[in-house]
Amino acid sequence: AMARLVDYVGVYERQYSGLVAEEEYRQSSRGNNVRLRSDYLLVKPEKSPVWVSFRDVYEVDGVAIRDRDDRLRRLFLEPGEDVWGQVQSIQDEGARYNLGIVERNINVPLFLLRFLQAENRPRFSFRLAGKRKVAGVEAWRIEFEERVFPTMIRDTQGKDVDAKGWFHVEEVTGAIVEAALKIEEHGSTGEILVSF
């Protein structure tokens, strides 16, 4: 199961560099709800070893966002010398519509794929937790839990935030059907569920 999943993720990252997809994103926090419609971009900035996800929100609860074109121009068409500063700007821009008290920029669909990269897999324990039908396909449930410190996710004070969750993986191809991340931070629990 892990071999198929890892192979699939490797091919996915090679094939989808420069990915642009449409995303519908629903958030809820303490009785508040928001529905975002976005273009989702996966880019690899020049001189950067990591992929960056960018959520370009164009609609919030059915209302169009008017400054969308200017955001894209600023972030992509006028690159500066400071690549990491630009990366942070891209991530912050995607996080501006987050609900809740916890600051974050990890709630993008492909964030969990980082856990499966060769350099990061040893940080986690993985276990096969059965099979089930998900989105009409037979899938393995592969659960993960981070076991190395410092953790990949840190809070705004730089403290460790443990990551755990699961992948539902189509048995034949190794394609991820769903993925989930659960974290606890400052007494709050967060869950991110991604359906592909």
C-alpha atoms as a PDB file:
ATOM      1  CA  ALA A   1       0.000   0.000   0.000  1.00  0.00           C
ATOM      2  CA  MET A   2       2.776   2.455   0.931  1.00  0.00           C
ATOM      3  CA  ALA A   3       4.812   1.608  -2.171  1.00  0.00           C
ATOM      4  CA  ARG A   4       1.864   2.372  -4.463  1.00  0.00           C
ATOM      5  CA  LEU A   5       1.057   5.554  -2.577  1.00  0.00           C
ATOM      6  CA  VAL A   6       4.647   6.834  -2.667  1.00  0.00           C
ATOM      7  CA  ASP A   7       5.004   6.014  -6.383  1.00  0.00           C
ATOM      8  CA  TYR A   8       1.743   7.809  -7.137  1.00  0.00           C
ATOM      9  CA  VAL A   9       2.788  10.946  -5.218  1.00  0.00           C
ATOM     10  CA  GLY A  10       6.167  11.021  -7.006  1.00  0.00           C
ATOM     11  CA  VAL A  11       4.499  10.898 -10.420  1.00  0.00           C
ATOM     12  CA  TYR A  12       1.858  13.414  -9.314  1.00  0.00           C
ATOM     13  CA  GLU A  13       4.456  15.991  -8.307  1.00  0.00           C
ATOM     14  CA  ARG A  14       6.367  15.608 -11.594  1.00  0.00           C
ATOM     15  CA  GLN A  15       3.250  15.781 -13.776  1.00  0.00           C
ATOM     16  CA  TYR A  16       1.508  18.634 -12.027  1.00  0.00           C
ATOM     17  CA  SER A  17       4.217  21.239 -11.641  1.00  0.00           C
ATOM     18  CA  GLY A  18       2.494  24.501 -12.415  1.00  0.00           C
ATOM     19  CA  LEU A  19      -0.905  22.971 -11.553  1.00  0.00           C
ATOM     20  CA  VAL A  20      -3.931  25.258 -11.690  1.00  0.00           C
ATOM     21  CA  ALA A  21      -7.210  23.771 -10.453  1.00  0.00           C
ATOM     22  CA  GLU A  22     -10.562  25.062  -9.288  1.00  0.00           C
ATOM     23  CA  GLU A  23     -11.294  24.558  -5.596  1.00  0.00           C
ATOM     24  CA  GLU A  24     -14.393  24.746  -3.436  1.00  0.00           C
ATOM     25  CA  TYR A  25     -13.371  25.157   0.188  1.00  0.00           C
ATOM     26  CA  ARG A  26     -15.732  25.102   3.159  1.00  0.00           C
ATOM     27  CA  GLN A  27     -14.646  26.146   6.641  1.00  0.00           C
ATOM     28  CA  SER A  28     -16.484  26.118   9.934  1.00  0.00           C
ATOM     29  CA  SER A  29     -15.370  27.350  13.331  1.00  0.00           C
ATOM     30  CA  ARG A  30     -17.511  27.853  16.433  1.00  0.00           C
ATOM     31  CA  GLY A  31     -20.739  28.264  14.502  1.00  0.00           C
ATOM     32  CA  ASN A  32     -19.242  30.442  11.751  1.00  0.00           C
ATOM     33  CA  ASN A  33     -19.170  29.092   8.217  1.00  0.00           C
ATOM     34  CA  VAL A  34     -17.623  30.332   5.000  1.00  0.00           C
ATOM     35  CA  ARG A  35     -17.591  28.934   1.468  1.00  0.00           C
ATOM     36  CA  LEU A  36     -14.691  29.934  -0.762  1.00  0.00           C
ATOM     37  CA  ARG A  37     -14.299  29.369  -4.479  1.00  0.00           C
ATOM     38  CA  SER A  38     -10.731  29.677  -5.648  1.00  0.00           C
ATOM     39  CA  ASP A  39      -8.173  28.959  -8.278  1.00  0.00           C
ATOM     40  CA  TYR A  40      -5.571  26.763  -6.648  1.00  0.00           C
ATOM     41  CA  LEU A  41      -2.028  27.088  -7.936  1.00  0.00           C
ATOM     42  CA  LEU A  42       0.932  24.825  -7.251  1.00  0.00           C
ATOM     43  CA  VAL A  43       4.177  26.550  -8.192  1.00  0.00           C
ATOM     44  CA  LYS A  44       7.885  26.106  -7.600  1.00  0.00           C
ATOM     45  CA  PRO A  45       9.533  29.528  -7.331  1.00  0.00           C
ATOM     46  CA  GLU A  46      12.867  29.969  -9.076  1.00  0.00           C
ATOM     47  CA  LYS A  47      15.766  28.931  -6.785  1.00  0.00           C
ATOM     48  CA  SER A  48      13.348  27.318  -4.327  1.00  0.00           C
ATOM     49  CA  PRO A  49      13.621  23.594  -3.443  1.00  0.00           C
ATOM     50  CA  VAL A  50       9.987  23.425  -2.279  1.00  0.00           C
ATOM     51  CA  TRP A  51       6.586  23.640  -3.943  1.00  0.00           C
ATOM     52  CA  VAL A  52       4.256  26.411  -2.815  1.00  0.00           C
ATOM     53  CA  SER A  53       0.477  26.251  -2.819  1.00  0.00           C
ATOM     54  CA  PHE A  54      -1.469  29.429  -3.469  1.00  0.00           C
ATOM     55  CA  ARG A  55      -5.197  29.809  -3.046  1.00  0.00           C
ATOM     56  CA  ASP A  56      -6.448  32.659  -5.227  1.00  0.00           C
ATOM     57  CA  VAL A  57      -9.911  33.277  -3.772  1.00  0.00           C
ATOM     58  CA  TYR A  58     -12.347  34.731  -6.296  1.00  0.00           C
ATOM     59  CA  GLU A  59     -15.623  34.270  -4.401  1.00  0.00           C
ATOM     60  CA  VAL A  60     -16.613  34.289  -0.706  1.00  0.00           C
ATOM     61  CA  ASP A  61     -20.110  33.036   0.163  1.00  0.00           C
ATOM     62  CA  GLY A  62     -21.257  33.773  -3.388  1.00  0.00           C
ATOM     63  CA  VAL A  63     -19.802  37.308  -3.500  1.00  0.00           C
ATOM     64  CA  ALA A  64     -17.039  38.038  -6.056  1.00  0.00           C
ATOM     65  CA  ILE A  65     -13.695  39.390  -4.791  1.00  0.00           C
ATOM     66  CA  ARG A  66     -12.789  42.557  -6.680  1.00  0.00           C
ATOM     67  CA  ASP A  67      -9.022  42.870  -6.124  1.00  0.00           C
ATOM     68  CA  ARG A  68      -8.208  39.431  -7.543  1.00  0.00           C
ATOM     69  CA  ASP A  69      -6.361  40.569 -10.685  1.00  0.00           C
ATOM     70  CA  ASP A  70      -4.177  42.970  -8.723  1.00  0.00           C
ATOM     71  CA  ARG A  71      -3.166  40.218  -6.267  1.00  0.00           C
ATOM     72  CA  LEU A  72      -2.021  37.936  -9.063  1.00  0.00           C
ATOM     73  CA  ARG A  73      -0.082  40.743 -10.703  1.00  0.00           C
ATOM     74  CA  ARG A  74       1.688  41.665  -7.470  1.00  0.00           C
ATOM     75  CA  LEU A  75       2.580  38.110  -6.472  1.00  0.00           C
ATOM     76  CA  PHE A  76       3.511  36.539  -9.809  1.00  0.00           C
ATOM     77  CA  LEU A  77       4.202  39.168 -12.443  1.00  0.00           C
ATOM     78  CA  GLU A  78       6.372  41.441 -10.323  1.00  0.00           C
ATOM     79  CA  PRO A  79       8.742  38.994  -8.603  1.00  0.00           C
ATOM     80  CA  GLY A  80      11.288  40.513  -6.271  1.00  0.00           C
ATOM     81  CA  GLU A  81      14.771  39.444  -5.230  1.00  0.00           C
ATOM     82  CA  ASP A  82      13.529  37.969  -1.947  1.00  0.00           C
ATOM     83  CA  VAL A  83      12.157  34.565  -3.032  1.00  0.00           C
ATOM     84  CA  TRP A  84      11.321  33.470   0.522  1.00  0.00           C
ATOM     85  CA  GLY A  85       9.584  36.764   1.210  1.00  0.00           C
ATOM     86  CA  GLN A  86       7.484  36.222  -1.898  1.00  0.00           C
ATOM     87  CA  VAL A  87       6.730  32.634  -0.836  1.00  0.00           C
ATOM     88  CA  GLN A  88       5.515  33.933   2.539  1.00  0.00           C
ATOM     89  CA  SER A  89       3.376  36.572   0.813  1.00  0.00           C
ATOM     90  CA  ILE A  90       1.774  33.898  -1.366  1.00  0.00           C
ATOM     91  CA  GLN A  91       0.984  31.715   1.638  1.00  0.00           C
ATOM     92  CA  ASP A  92      -0.329  34.647   3.693  1.00  0.00           C
ATOM     93  CA  GLU A  93      -2.545  35.752   0.822  1.00  0.00           C
ATOM     94  CA  GLY A  94      -4.159  32.296   0.687  1.00  0.00           C
ATOM     95  CA  ALA A  95      -4.772  32.393   4.451  1.00  0.00           C
ATOM     96  CA  ARG A  96      -6.536  35.751   4.614  1.00  0.00           C
ATOM     97  CA  TYR A  97     -10.038  34.174   4.646  1.00  0.00           C
ATOM     98  CA  ASN A  98      -9.326  31.566   7.331  1.00  0.00           C
ATOM     99  CA  LEU A  99     -11.846  31.234  10.143  1.00  0.00           C
ATOM    100  CA  GLY A 100     -10.919  30.567  13.749  1.00  0.00           C
ATOM    101  CA  ILE A 101      -8.368  31.803  16.242  1.00  0.00           C
ATOM    102  CA  VAL A 102      -5.407  29.737  15.046  1.00  0.00           C
ATOM    103  CA  GLU A 103      -3.176  31.393  12.441  1.00  0.00           C
ATOM    104  CA  ARG A 104      -2.324  28.956   9.663  1.00  0.00           C
ATOM    105  CA  ASN A 105      -1.327  28.538   6.053  1.00  0.00           C
ATOM    106  CA  ILE A 106      -1.265  24.720   5.989  1.00  0.00           C
ATOM    107  CA  ASN A 107      -4.909  24.350   4.958  1.00  0.00           C
ATOM    108  CA  VAL A 108      -4.171  23.888   1.266  1.00  0.00           C
ATOM    109  CA  PRO A 109      -5.084  20.676  -0.573  1.00  0.00           C
ATOM    110  CA  LEU A 110      -1.589  19.389  -1.343  1.00  0.00           C
ATOM    111  CA  PHE A 111       0.085  20.196   1.997  1.00  0.00           C
ATOM    112  CA  LEU A 112      -0.228  16.602   3.193  1.00  0.00           C
ATOM    113  CA  LEU A 113       1.768  15.327   0.198  1.00  0.00           C
ATOM    114  CA  ARG A 114       4.861  16.785   1.903  1.00  0.00           C
ATOM    115  CA  PHE A 115       4.553  14.059   4.547  1.00  0.00           C
ATOM    116  CA  LEU A 116       5.053  11.440   1.816  1.00  0.00           C
ATOM    117  CA  GLN A 117       8.210  12.929   0.290  1.00  0.00           C
ATOM    118  CA  ALA A 118      11.297  10.752   0.733  1.00  0.00           C
ATOM    119  CA  GLU A 119      13.031  13.212   3.059  1.00  0.00           C
ATOM    120  CA  ASN A 120       9.967  13.489   5.331  1.00  0.00           C
ATOM    121  CA  ARG A 121       8.585   9.918   5.476  1.00  0.00           C
ATOM    122  CA  PRO A 122      10.978   8.829   8.269  1.00  0.00           C
ATOM    123  CA  ARG A 123       9.436  11.500  10.498  1.00  0.00           C
ATOM    124  CA  PHE A 124       6.143   9.580  10.557  1.00  0.00           C
ATOM    125  CA  SER A 125       4.824   6.188  11.524  1.00  0.00           C
ATOM    126  CA  PHE A 126       2.365   4.766   8.986  1.00  0.00           C
ATOM    127  CA  ARG A 127      -0.047   1.877   9.488  1.00  0.00           C
ATOM    128  CA  LEU A 128      -2.618   0.143   7.335  1.00  0.00           C
ATOM    129  CA  ALA A 129      -5.963   0.559   9.109  1.00  0.00           C
ATOM    130  CA  GLY A 130      -8.254  -1.500   6.911  1.00  0.00           C
ATOM    131  CA  LYS A 131     -10.161  -0.975   3.702  1.00  0.00           C
ATOM    132  CA  ARG A 132     -13.353   0.882   2.908  1.00  0.00           C
ATOM    133  CA  LYS A 133     -15.306   2.277  -0.010  1.00  0.00           C
ATOM    134  CA  VAL A 134     -14.653   6.003  -0.481  1.00  0.00           C
ATOM    135  CA  ALA A 135     -16.140   8.095  -3.293  1.00  0.00           C
ATOM    136  CA  GLY A 136     -17.211   4.888  -5.031  1.00  0.00           C
ATOM    137  CA  VAL A 137     -13.783   3.184  -5.028  1.00  0.00           C
ATOM    138  CA  GLU A 138     -12.203   0.537  -2.825  1.00  0.00           C
ATOM    139  CA  ALA A 139      -9.520   2.242  -0.775  1.00  0.00           C
ATOM    140  CA  TRP A 140      -6.925   1.440   1.846  1.00  0.00           C
ATOM    141  CA  ARG A 141      -6.914   3.638   4.936  1.00  0.00           C
ATOM    142  CA  ILE A 142      -3.307   4.500   5.783  1.00  0.00           C
ATOM    143  CA  GLU A 143      -3.012   6.338   9.091  1.00  0.00           C
ATOM    144  CA  PHE A 144       0.025   8.457   9.984  1.00  0.00           C
ATOM    145  CA  GLU A 145       1.429  10.121  13.075  1.00  0.00           C
ATOM    146  CA  GLU A 146       4.462  12.381  13.335  1.00  0.00           C
ATOM    147  CA  ARG A 147       7.109  11.102  15.755  1.00  0.00           C
ATOM    148  CA  VAL A 148      10.141  13.390  15.202  1.00  0.00           C
ATOM    149  CA  PHE A 149      10.875  16.766  16.790  1.00  0.00           C
ATOM    150  CA  PRO A 150      10.979  19.538  15.849  1.00  0.00           C
ATOM    151  CA  THR A 151       7.716  18.928  13.991  1.00  0.00           C
ATOM    152  CA  MET A 152       7.005  20.056  10.430  1.00  0.00           C
ATOM    153  CA  ILE A 153       4.161  22.284  11.636  1.00  0.00           C
ATOM    154  CA  ARG A 154       5.027  24.998  14.160  1.00  0.00           C
ATOM    155  CA  ASP A 155       2.781  27.537  15.845  1.00  0.00           C
ATOM    156  CA  THR A 156       3.400  31.292  15.649  1.00  0.00           C
ATOM    157  CA  GLN A 157       5.656  31.092  18.732  1.00  0.00           C
ATOM    158  CA  GLY A 158       7.737  28.345  17.092  1.00  0.00           C
ATOM    159  CA  LYS A 159       6.375  25.508  19.282  1.00  0.00           C
ATOM    160  CA  ASP A 160       5.864  22.005  17.920  1.00  0.00           C
ATOM    161  CA  VAL A 161       2.431  20.981  16.625  1.00  0.00           C
ATOM    162  CA  ASP A 162       2.059  17.205  16.209  1.00  0.00           C
ATOM    163  CA  ALA A 163       0.481  16.019  12.963  1.00  0.00           C
ATOM    164  CA  LYS A 164      -1.669  12.925  12.603  1.00  0.00           C
ATOM    165  CA  GLY A 165      -4.315  11.816  10.163  1.00  0.00           C
ATOM    166  CA  TRP A 166      -4.933   9.447   7.291  1.00  0.00           C
ATOM    167  CA  PHE A 167      -4.939   8.895   3.551  1.00  0.00           C
ATOM    168  CA  HIS A 168      -7.620   6.912   1.699  1.00  0.00           C
ATOM    169  CA  VAL A 169      -5.709   5.336  -1.167  1.00  0.00           C
ATOM    170  CA  GLU A 170      -7.248   3.627  -4.213  1.00  0.00           C
ATOM    171  CA  GLU A 171      -6.006   0.031  -4.146  1.00  0.00           C
ATOM    172  CA  VAL A 172      -5.121  -0.453  -7.809  1.00  0.00           C
ATOM    173  CA  THR A 173      -3.396   2.836  -8.696  1.00  0.00           C
ATOM    174  CA  GLY A 174      -2.278   4.220  -5.326  1.00  0.00           C
ATOM    175  CA  ALA A 175      -4.185   7.464  -6.030  1.00  0.00           C
ATOM    176  CA  ILE A 176      -5.217   9.472  -2.998  1.00  0.00           C
ATOM    177  CA  VAL A 177      -9.014   9.685  -2.830  1.00  0.00           C
ATOM    178  CA  GLU A 178      -9.195  11.585   0.472  1.00  0.00           C
ATOM    179  CA  ALA A 179      -6.701  12.857   3.011  1.00  0.00           C
ATOM    180  CA  ALA A 180      -7.151  14.218   6.516  1.00  0.00           C
ATOM    181  CA  LEU A 181      -4.948  16.078   8.991  1.00  0.00           C
ATOM    182  CA  LYS A 182      -5.754  16.528  12.689  1.00  0.00           C
ATOM    183  CA  ILE A 183      -3.827  18.918  14.911  1.00  0.00           C
ATOM    184  CA  GLU A 184      -4.217  20.376  18.387  1.00  0.00           C
ATOM    185  CA  GLU A 185      -2.901  23.822  19.182  1.00  0.00           C
ATOM    186  CA  HIS A 186      -3.543  26.168  22.121  1.00  0.00           C
ATOM    187  CA  GLY A 187      -6.496  24.081  23.307  1.00  0.00           C
ATOM    188  CA  SER A 188      -8.132  24.079  19.882  1.00  0.00           C
ATOM    189  CA  THR A 189      -8.500  21.076  17.628  1.00  0.00           C
ATOM    190  CA  GLY A 190      -8.369  21.476  13.866  1.00  0.00           C
ATOM    191  CA  GLU A 191      -9.188  19.031  11.111  1.00  0.00           C
ATOM    192  CA  ILE A 192      -8.555  19.428   7.419  1.00  0.00           C
ATOM    193  CA  LEU A 193     -10.305  17.009   5.048  1.00  0.00           C
ATOM    194  CA  VAL A 194      -9.394  17.017   1.358  1.00  0.00           C
ATOM    195  CA  SER A 195     -11.407  15.126  -1.258  1.00  0.00           C
ATOM    196  CA  PHE A 196      -9.643  14.692  -4.604  1.00  0.00           C
END
